[in-house]
Amino acid sequence: MAVAVLALTRDVGPDTAVVPTVVGLTRTTAEARIRAAGFVASAHPGARPEAVVVRQRPGPGEILARGSTVGVTVSRGP
């Protein structure tokens, strides 16, 4: 049985990019992915297992101007 796979991408232009998904990643990894996408990371403390991203704003898949800030809530631990 043959299976065809179709990948869809969005042309967001040279000055914009798609916000990556970072919830569930460590703070270090999340900040690196946000910077790699062309954004500025802004972390705030949360209350779940230590150093894990529990929320992000704007959400994954949003299109923003490069250099915009993507805020993440990072857990402080129980």
PDB file of N, CA and C in Angstrom:
ATOM      1  N   MET A   1       0.837  -1.169   0.000  1.00  0.00           N
ATOM      2  CA  MET A   1       0.000   0.000   0.000  1.00  0.00           C
ATOM      3  C   MET A   1       0.888   1.239   0.000  1.00  0.00           C
ATOM      4  N   ALA A   2       0.683   2.126  -0.921  1.00  0.00           N
ATOM      5  CA  ALA A   2       1.457   3.373  -1.004  1.00  0.00           C
ATOM      6  C   ALA A   2       0.731   4.469  -0.243  1.00  0.00           C
ATOM      7  N   VAL A   3       1.514   5.299   0.415  1.00  0.00           N
ATOM      8  CA  VAL A   3       0.947   6.411   1.173  1.00  0.00           C
ATOM      9  C   VAL A   3       1.590   7.696   0.681  1.00  0.00           C
ATOM     10  N   ALA A   4       0.785   8.667   0.352  1.00  0.00           N
ATOM     11  CA  ALA A   4       1.292   9.967  -0.082  1.00  0.00           C
ATOM     12  C   ALA A   4       1.271  10.911   1.103  1.00  0.00           C
ATOM     13  N   VAL A   5       2.343  11.665   1.266  1.00  0.00           N
ATOM     14  CA  VAL A   5       2.438  12.630   2.352  1.00  0.00           C
ATOM     15  C   VAL A   5       2.529  14.012   1.737  1.00  0.00           C
ATOM     16  N   LEU A   6       1.684  14.897   2.203  1.00  0.00           N
ATOM     17  CA  LEU A   6       1.664  16.264   1.699  1.00  0.00           C
ATOM     18  C   LEU A   6       2.045  17.194   2.841  1.00  0.00           C
ATOM     19  N   ALA A   7       3.070  17.976   2.649  1.00  0.00           N
ATOM     20  CA  ALA A   7       3.491  18.935   3.673  1.00  0.00           C
ATOM     21  C   ALA A   7       3.021  20.323   3.260  1.00  0.00           C
ATOM     22  N   LEU A   8       2.326  20.970   4.155  1.00  0.00           N
ATOM     23  CA  LEU A   8       1.852  22.315   3.880  1.00  0.00           C
ATOM     24  C   LEU A   8       2.685  23.310   4.665  1.00  0.00           C
ATOM     25  N   THR A   9       3.084  24.377   4.012  1.00  0.00           N
ATOM     26  CA  THR A   9       3.824  25.434   4.687  1.00  0.00           C
ATOM     27  C   THR A   9       3.158  26.756   4.362  1.00  0.00           C
ATOM     28  N   ARG A  10       3.413  27.746   5.190  1.00  0.00           N
ATOM     29  CA  ARG A  10       2.875  29.069   4.947  1.00  0.00           C
ATOM     30  C   ARG A  10       3.998  30.007   4.558  1.00  0.00           C
ATOM     31  N   ASP A  11       3.795  30.799   3.527  1.00  0.00           N
ATOM     32  CA  ASP A  11       4.755  31.826   3.160  1.00  0.00           C
ATOM     33  C   ASP A  11       4.444  33.028   4.033  1.00  0.00           C
ATOM     34  N   VAL A  12       5.303  33.281   5.006  1.00  0.00           N
ATOM     35  CA  VAL A  12       5.029  34.352   5.951  1.00  0.00           C
ATOM     36  C   VAL A  12       5.854  35.605   5.673  1.00  0.00           C
ATOM     37  N   GLY A  13       6.673  35.585   4.644  1.00  0.00           N
ATOM     38  CA  GLY A  13       7.448  36.757   4.284  1.00  0.00           C
ATOM     39  C   GLY A  13       8.758  36.836   5.053  1.00  0.00           C
ATOM     40  N   PRO A  14       9.668  37.690   4.574  1.00  0.00           N
ATOM     41  CA  PRO A  14      11.000  37.766   5.171  1.00  0.00           C
ATOM     42  C   PRO A  14      11.047  38.441   6.544  1.00  0.00           C
ATOM     43  N   ASP A  15      10.061  39.259   6.877  1.00  0.00           N
ATOM     44  CA  ASP A  15      10.086  39.984   8.140  1.00  0.00           C
ATOM     45  C   ASP A  15       9.166  39.392   9.199  1.00  0.00           C
ATOM     46  N   THR A  16       8.568  38.244   8.901  1.00  0.00           N
ATOM     47  CA  THR A  16       7.689  37.583   9.853  1.00  0.00           C
ATOM     48  C   THR A  16       8.101  36.117   9.976  1.00  0.00           C
ATOM     49  N   ALA A  17       7.618  35.466  11.026  1.00  0.00           N
ATOM     50  CA  ALA A  17       7.913  34.045  11.230  1.00  0.00           C
ATOM     51  C   ALA A  17       6.785  33.437  12.050  1.00  0.00           C
ATOM     52  N   VAL A  18       6.708  32.118  12.039  1.00  0.00           N
ATOM     53  CA  VAL A  18       5.710  31.382  12.793  1.00  0.00           C
ATOM     54  C   VAL A  18       6.271  31.088  14.188  1.00  0.00           C
ATOM     55  N   VAL A  19       5.485  31.356  15.216  1.00  0.00           N
ATOM     56  CA  VAL A  19       5.899  31.099  16.597  1.00  0.00           C
ATOM     57  C   VAL A  19       6.019  29.591  16.808  1.00  0.00           C
ATOM     58  N   PRO A  20       7.176  29.113  17.315  1.00  0.00           N
ATOM     59  CA  PRO A  20       7.339  27.673  17.536  1.00  0.00           C
ATOM     60  C   PRO A  20       6.593  27.211  18.780  1.00  0.00           C
ATOM     61  N   THR A  21       6.304  25.920  18.841  1.00  0.00           N
ATOM     62  CA  THR A  21       5.709  25.315  20.036  1.00  0.00           C
ATOM     63  C   THR A  21       6.813  25.059  21.044  1.00  0.00           C
ATOM     64  N   VAL A  22       6.674  25.596  22.267  1.00  0.00           N
ATOM     65  CA  VAL A  22       7.708  25.394  23.277  1.00  0.00           C
ATOM     66  C   VAL A  22       7.176  24.856  24.602  1.00  0.00           C
ATOM     67  N   VAL A  23       5.861  24.722  24.757  1.00  0.00           N
ATOM     68  CA  VAL A  23       5.290  24.197  26.004  1.00  0.00           C
ATOM     69  C   VAL A  23       5.778  22.772  26.211  1.00  0.00           C
ATOM     70  N   GLY A  24       6.238  22.476  27.417  1.00  0.00           N
ATOM     71  CA  GLY A  24       6.747  21.155  27.758  1.00  0.00           C
ATOM     72  C   GLY A  24       8.256  21.036  27.637  1.00  0.00           C
ATOM     73  N   LEU A  25       8.900  22.031  27.042  1.00  0.00           N
ATOM     74  CA  LEU A  25      10.356  22.020  26.912  1.00  0.00           C
ATOM     75  C   LEU A  25      10.994  22.672  28.131  1.00  0.00           C
ATOM     76  N   THR A  26      12.277  22.447  28.317  1.00  0.00           N
ATOM     77  CA  THR A  26      12.972  23.157  29.385  1.00  0.00           C
ATOM     78  C   THR A  26      13.103  24.625  28.980  1.00  0.00           C
ATOM     79  N   ARG A  27      13.307  25.469  29.969  1.00  0.00           N
ATOM     80  CA  ARG A  27      13.448  26.903  29.700  1.00  0.00           C
ATOM     81  C   ARG A  27      14.580  27.160  28.699  1.00  0.00           C
ATOM     82  N   THR A  28      15.711  26.502  28.883  1.00  0.00           N
ATOM     83  CA  THR A  28      16.860  26.718  28.007  1.00  0.00           C
ATOM     84  C   THR A  28      16.541  26.355  26.566  1.00  0.00           C
ATOM     85  N   THR A  29      15.925  25.195  26.365  1.00  0.00           N
ATOM     86  CA  THR A  29      15.577  24.748  25.018  1.00  0.00           C
ATOM     87  C   THR A  29      14.521  25.653  24.401  1.00  0.00           C
ATOM     88  N   ALA A  30      13.517  26.024  25.191  1.00  0.00           N
ATOM     89  CA  ALA A  30      12.451  26.894  24.694  1.00  0.00           C
ATOM     90  C   ALA A  30      13.009  28.244  24.256  1.00  0.00           C
ATOM     91  N   GLU A  31      13.861  28.843  25.087  1.00  0.00           N
ATOM     92  CA  GLU A  31      14.433  30.143  24.725  1.00  0.00           C
ATOM     93  C   GLU A  31      15.286  30.035  23.461  1.00  0.00           C
ATOM     94  N   ALA A  32      16.028  28.934  23.312  1.00  0.00           N
ATOM     95  CA  ALA A  32      16.850  28.739  22.117  1.00  0.00           C
ATOM     96  C   ALA A  32      15.976  28.627  20.866  1.00  0.00           C
ATOM     97  N   ARG A  33      14.869  27.898  20.957  1.00  0.00           N
ATOM     98  CA  ARG A  33      13.972  27.756  19.795  1.00  0.00           C
ATOM     99  C   ARG A  33      13.304  29.081  19.439  1.00  0.00           C
ATOM    100  N   ILE A  34      12.935  29.843  20.455  1.00  0.00           N
ATOM    101  CA  ILE A  34      12.312  31.145  20.209  1.00  0.00           C
ATOM    102  C   ILE A  34      13.309  32.070  19.510  1.00  0.00           C
ATOM    103  N   ARG A  35      14.546  32.107  20.007  1.00  0.00           N
ATOM    104  CA  ARG A  35      15.578  32.953  19.377  1.00  0.00           C
ATOM    105  C   ARG A  35      15.878  32.483  17.956  1.00  0.00           C
ATOM    106  N   ALA A  36      15.943  31.163  17.747  1.00  0.00           N
ATOM    107  CA  ALA A  36      16.237  30.621  16.415  1.00  0.00           C
ATOM    108  C   ALA A  36      15.165  31.003  15.402  1.00  0.00           C
ATOM    109  N   ALA A  37      13.934  31.208  15.867  1.00  0.00           N
ATOM    110  CA  ALA A  37      12.838  31.603  14.983  1.00  0.00           C
ATOM    111  C   ALA A  37      12.841  33.108  14.722  1.00  0.00           C
ATOM    112  N   GLY A  38      13.749  33.841  15.402  1.00  0.00           N
ATOM    113  CA  GLY A  38      13.863  35.273  15.159  1.00  0.00           C
ATOM    114  C   GLY A  38      13.127  36.145  16.151  1.00  0.00           C
ATOM    115  N   PHE A  39      12.753  35.569  17.308  1.00  0.00           N
ATOM    116  CA  PHE A  39      12.011  36.325  18.316  1.00  0.00           C
ATOM    117  C   PHE A  39      12.861  36.548  19.553  1.00  0.00           C
ATOM    118  N   VAL A  40      12.343  37.332  20.477  1.00  0.00           N
ATOM    119  CA  VAL A  40      12.961  37.565  21.776  1.00  0.00           C
ATOM    120  C   VAL A  40      12.169  36.772  22.806  1.00  0.00           C
ATOM    121  N   ALA A  41      12.851  36.013  23.676  1.00  0.00           N
ATOM    122  CA  ALA A  41      12.180  35.224  24.708  1.00  0.00           C
ATOM    123  C   ALA A  41      12.050  36.041  25.987  1.00  0.00           C
ATOM    124  N   SER A  42      10.908  35.912  26.640  1.00  0.00           N
ATOM    125  CA  SER A  42      10.657  36.577  27.918  1.00  0.00           C
ATOM    126  C   SER A  42      10.051  35.548  28.858  1.00  0.00           C
ATOM    127  N   ALA A  43      10.798  35.127  29.896  1.00  0.00           N
ATOM    128  CA  ALA A  43      10.343  34.058  30.789  1.00  0.00           C
ATOM    129  C   ALA A  43       9.815  34.609  32.108  1.00  0.00           C
ATOM    130  N   HIS A  44       8.755  33.968  32.617  1.00  0.00           N
ATOM    131  CA  HIS A  44       8.130  34.323  33.892  1.00  0.00           C
ATOM    132  C   HIS A  44       7.989  33.046  34.713  1.00  0.00           C
ATOM    133  N   PRO A  45       8.133  33.115  36.053  1.00  0.00           N
ATOM    134  CA  PRO A  45       8.063  31.902  36.873  1.00  0.00           C
ATOM    135  C   PRO A  45       6.663  31.302  36.968  1.00  0.00           C
ATOM    136  N   GLY A  46       6.587  29.964  37.013  1.00  0.00           N
ATOM    137  CA  GLY A  46       5.332  29.233  37.186  1.00  0.00           C
ATOM    138  C   GLY A  46       5.446  28.311  38.397  1.00  0.00           C
ATOM    139  N   ALA A  47       4.537  27.328  38.549  1.00  0.00           N
ATOM    140  CA  ALA A  47       4.534  26.481  39.749  1.00  0.00           C
ATOM    141  C   ALA A  47       4.420  24.989  39.478  1.00  0.00           C
ATOM    142  N   ARG A  48       4.947  24.473  38.394  1.00  0.00           N
ATOM    143  CA  ARG A  48       4.935  23.031  38.107  1.00  0.00           C
ATOM    144  C   ARG A  48       6.364  22.502  38.183  1.00  0.00           C
ATOM    145  N   PRO A  49       6.660  21.290  37.670  1.00  0.00           N
ATOM    146  CA  PRO A  49       8.028  20.781  37.771  1.00  0.00           C
ATOM    147  C   PRO A  49       9.046  21.832  37.324  1.00  0.00           C
ATOM    148  N   GLU A  50      10.102  21.954  38.069  1.00  0.00           N
ATOM    149  CA  GLU A  50      11.066  23.035  37.888  1.00  0.00           C
ATOM    150  C   GLU A  50      11.616  23.156  36.468  1.00  0.00           C
ATOM    151  N   ALA A  51      11.679  24.389  35.989  1.00  0.00           N
ATOM    152  CA  ALA A  51      12.320  24.778  34.725  1.00  0.00           C
ATOM    153  C   ALA A  51      11.656  24.222  33.467  1.00  0.00           C
ATOM    154  N   VAL A  52      10.347  23.979  33.509  1.00  0.00           N
ATOM    155  CA  VAL A  52       9.617  23.500  32.337  1.00  0.00           C
ATOM    156  C   VAL A  52       8.629  24.581  31.909  1.00  0.00           C
ATOM    157  N   VAL A  53       8.560  24.833  30.611  1.00  0.00           N
ATOM    158  CA  VAL A  53       7.622  25.822  30.085  1.00  0.00           C
ATOM    159  C   VAL A  53       6.206  25.265  30.195  1.00  0.00           C
ATOM    160  N   VAL A  54       5.306  26.018  30.846  1.00  0.00           N
ATOM    161  CA  VAL A  54       3.933  25.558  31.033  1.00  0.00           C
ATOM    162  C   VAL A  54       2.926  26.394  30.237  1.00  0.00           C
ATOM    163  N   ARG A  55       3.356  27.515  29.688  1.00  0.00           N
ATOM    164  CA  ARG A  55       2.463  28.368  28.901  1.00  0.00           C
ATOM    165  C   ARG A  55       3.296  29.273  28.012  1.00  0.00           C
ATOM    166  N   GLN A  56       2.750  29.624  26.861  1.00  0.00           N
ATOM    167  CA  GLN A  56       3.420  30.584  25.991  1.00  0.00           C
ATOM    168  C   GLN A  56       2.400  31.523  25.390  1.00  0.00           C
ATOM    169  N   ARG A  57       2.832  32.770  25.173  1.00  0.00           N
ATOM    170  CA  ARG A  57       1.993  33.789  24.528  1.00  0.00           C
ATOM    171  C   ARG A  57       2.860  34.606  23.605  1.00  0.00           C
ATOM    172  N   PRO A  58       2.522  34.786  22.358  1.00  0.00           N
ATOM    173  CA  PRO A  58       1.376  34.195  21.683  1.00  0.00           C
ATOM    174  C   PRO A  58       1.561  32.694  21.501  1.00  0.00           C
ATOM    175  N   GLY A  59       0.486  32.048  21.142  1.00  0.00           N
ATOM    176  CA  GLY A  59       0.484  30.598  21.002  1.00  0.00           C
ATOM    177  C   GLY A  59       1.245  30.115  19.786  1.00  0.00           C
ATOM    178  N   PRO A  60       1.522  28.807  19.740  1.00  0.00           N
ATOM    179  CA  PRO A  60       2.222  28.223  18.606  1.00  0.00           C
ATOM    180  C   PRO A  60       1.429  28.416  17.317  1.00  0.00           C
ATOM    181  N   GLY A  61       2.145  28.671  16.247  1.00  0.00           N
ATOM    182  CA  GLY A  61       1.522  28.841  14.948  1.00  0.00           C
ATOM    183  C   GLY A  61       1.133  30.268  14.611  1.00  0.00           C
ATOM    184  N   GLU A  62       1.169  31.167  15.594  1.00  0.00           N
ATOM    185  CA  GLU A  62       0.886  32.573  15.321  1.00  0.00           C
ATOM    186  C   GLU A  62       1.992  33.137  14.438  1.00  0.00           C
ATOM    187  N   ILE A  63       1.653  34.103  13.619  1.00  0.00           N
ATOM    188  CA  ILE A  63       2.642  34.752  12.760  1.00  0.00           C
ATOM    189  C   ILE A  63       2.912  36.137  13.314  1.00  0.00           C
ATOM    190  N   LEU A  64       4.191  36.419  13.581  1.00  0.00           N
ATOM    191  CA  LEU A  64       4.598  37.694  14.151  1.00  0.00           C
ATOM    192  C   LEU A  64       5.763  38.272  13.379  1.00  0.00           C
ATOM    193  N   ALA A  65       5.992  39.554  13.567  1.00  0.00           N
ATOM    194  CA  ALA A  65       7.175  40.182  13.006  1.00  0.00           C
ATOM    195  C   ALA A  65       8.398  39.644  13.727  1.00  0.00           C
ATOM    196  N   ARG A  66       9.464  39.382  12.990  1.00  0.00           N
ATOM    197  CA  ARG A  66      10.715  38.952  13.624  1.00  0.00           C
ATOM    198  C   ARG A  66      11.141  40.026  14.604  1.00  0.00           C
ATOM    199  N   GLY A  67      11.696  39.616  15.719  1.00  0.00           N
ATOM    200  CA  GLY A  67      12.104  40.548  16.756  1.00  0.00           C
ATOM    201  C   GLY A  67      11.029  40.785  17.799  1.00  0.00           C
ATOM    202  N   SER A  68       9.807  40.275  17.560  1.00  0.00           N
ATOM    203  CA  SER A  68       8.731  40.386  18.542  1.00  0.00           C
ATOM    204  C   SER A  68       9.062  39.507  19.745  1.00  0.00           C
ATOM    205  N   THR A  69       8.432  39.782  20.874  1.00  0.00           N
ATOM    206  CA  THR A  69       8.660  39.002  22.082  1.00  0.00           C
ATOM    207  C   THR A  69       7.645  37.883  22.210  1.00  0.00           C
ATOM    208  N   VAL A  70       8.131  36.677  22.524  1.00  0.00           N
ATOM    209  CA  VAL A  70       7.303  35.525  22.820  1.00  0.00           C
ATOM    210  C   VAL A  70       7.497  35.250  24.310  1.00  0.00           C
ATOM    211  N   GLY A  71       6.441  35.406  25.093  1.00  0.00           N
ATOM    212  CA  GLY A  71       6.518  35.194  26.537  1.00  0.00           C
ATOM    213  C   GLY A  71       6.253  33.753  26.895  1.00  0.00           C
ATOM    214  N   VAL A  72       7.029  33.223  27.833  1.00  0.00           N
ATOM    215  CA  VAL A  72       6.807  31.868  28.330  1.00  0.00           C
ATOM    216  C   VAL A  72       6.724  31.886  29.848  1.00  0.00           C
ATOM    217  N   THR A  73       5.857  31.049  30.401  1.00  0.00           N
ATOM    218  CA  THR A  73       5.776  30.869  31.851  1.00  0.00           C
ATOM    219  C   THR A  73       6.575  29.614  32.170  1.00  0.00           C
ATOM    220  N   VAL A  74       7.575  29.757  33.039  1.00  0.00           N
ATOM    221  CA  VAL A  74       8.476  28.668  33.399  1.00  0.00           C
ATOM    222  C   VAL A  74       8.215  28.283  34.846  1.00  0.00           C
ATOM    223  N   SER A  75       8.044  26.978  35.094  1.00  0.00           N
ATOM    224  CA  SER A  75       7.737  26.511  36.444  1.00  0.00           C
ATOM    225  C   SER A  75       8.925  26.666  37.383  1.00  0.00           C
ATOM    226  N   ARG A  76       8.600  26.920  38.666  1.00  0.00           N
ATOM    227  CA  ARG A  76       9.601  27.034  39.720  1.00  0.00           C
ATOM    228  C   ARG A  76       9.740  25.734  40.498  1.00  0.00           C
ATOM    229  N   GLY A  77       8.886  24.798  40.239  1.00  0.00           N
ATOM    230  CA  GLY A  77       8.874  23.540  40.985  1.00  0.00           C
ATOM    231  C   GLY A  77       7.704  23.518  41.945  1.00  0.00           C
ATOM    232  N   PRO A  78       7.413  22.348  42.527  1.00  0.00           N
ATOM    233  CA  PRO A  78       6.255  22.224  43.426  1.00  0.00           C
ATOM    234  C   PRO A  78       6.429  23.013  44.718  1.00  0.00           C
TER     235      PRO A  78
END
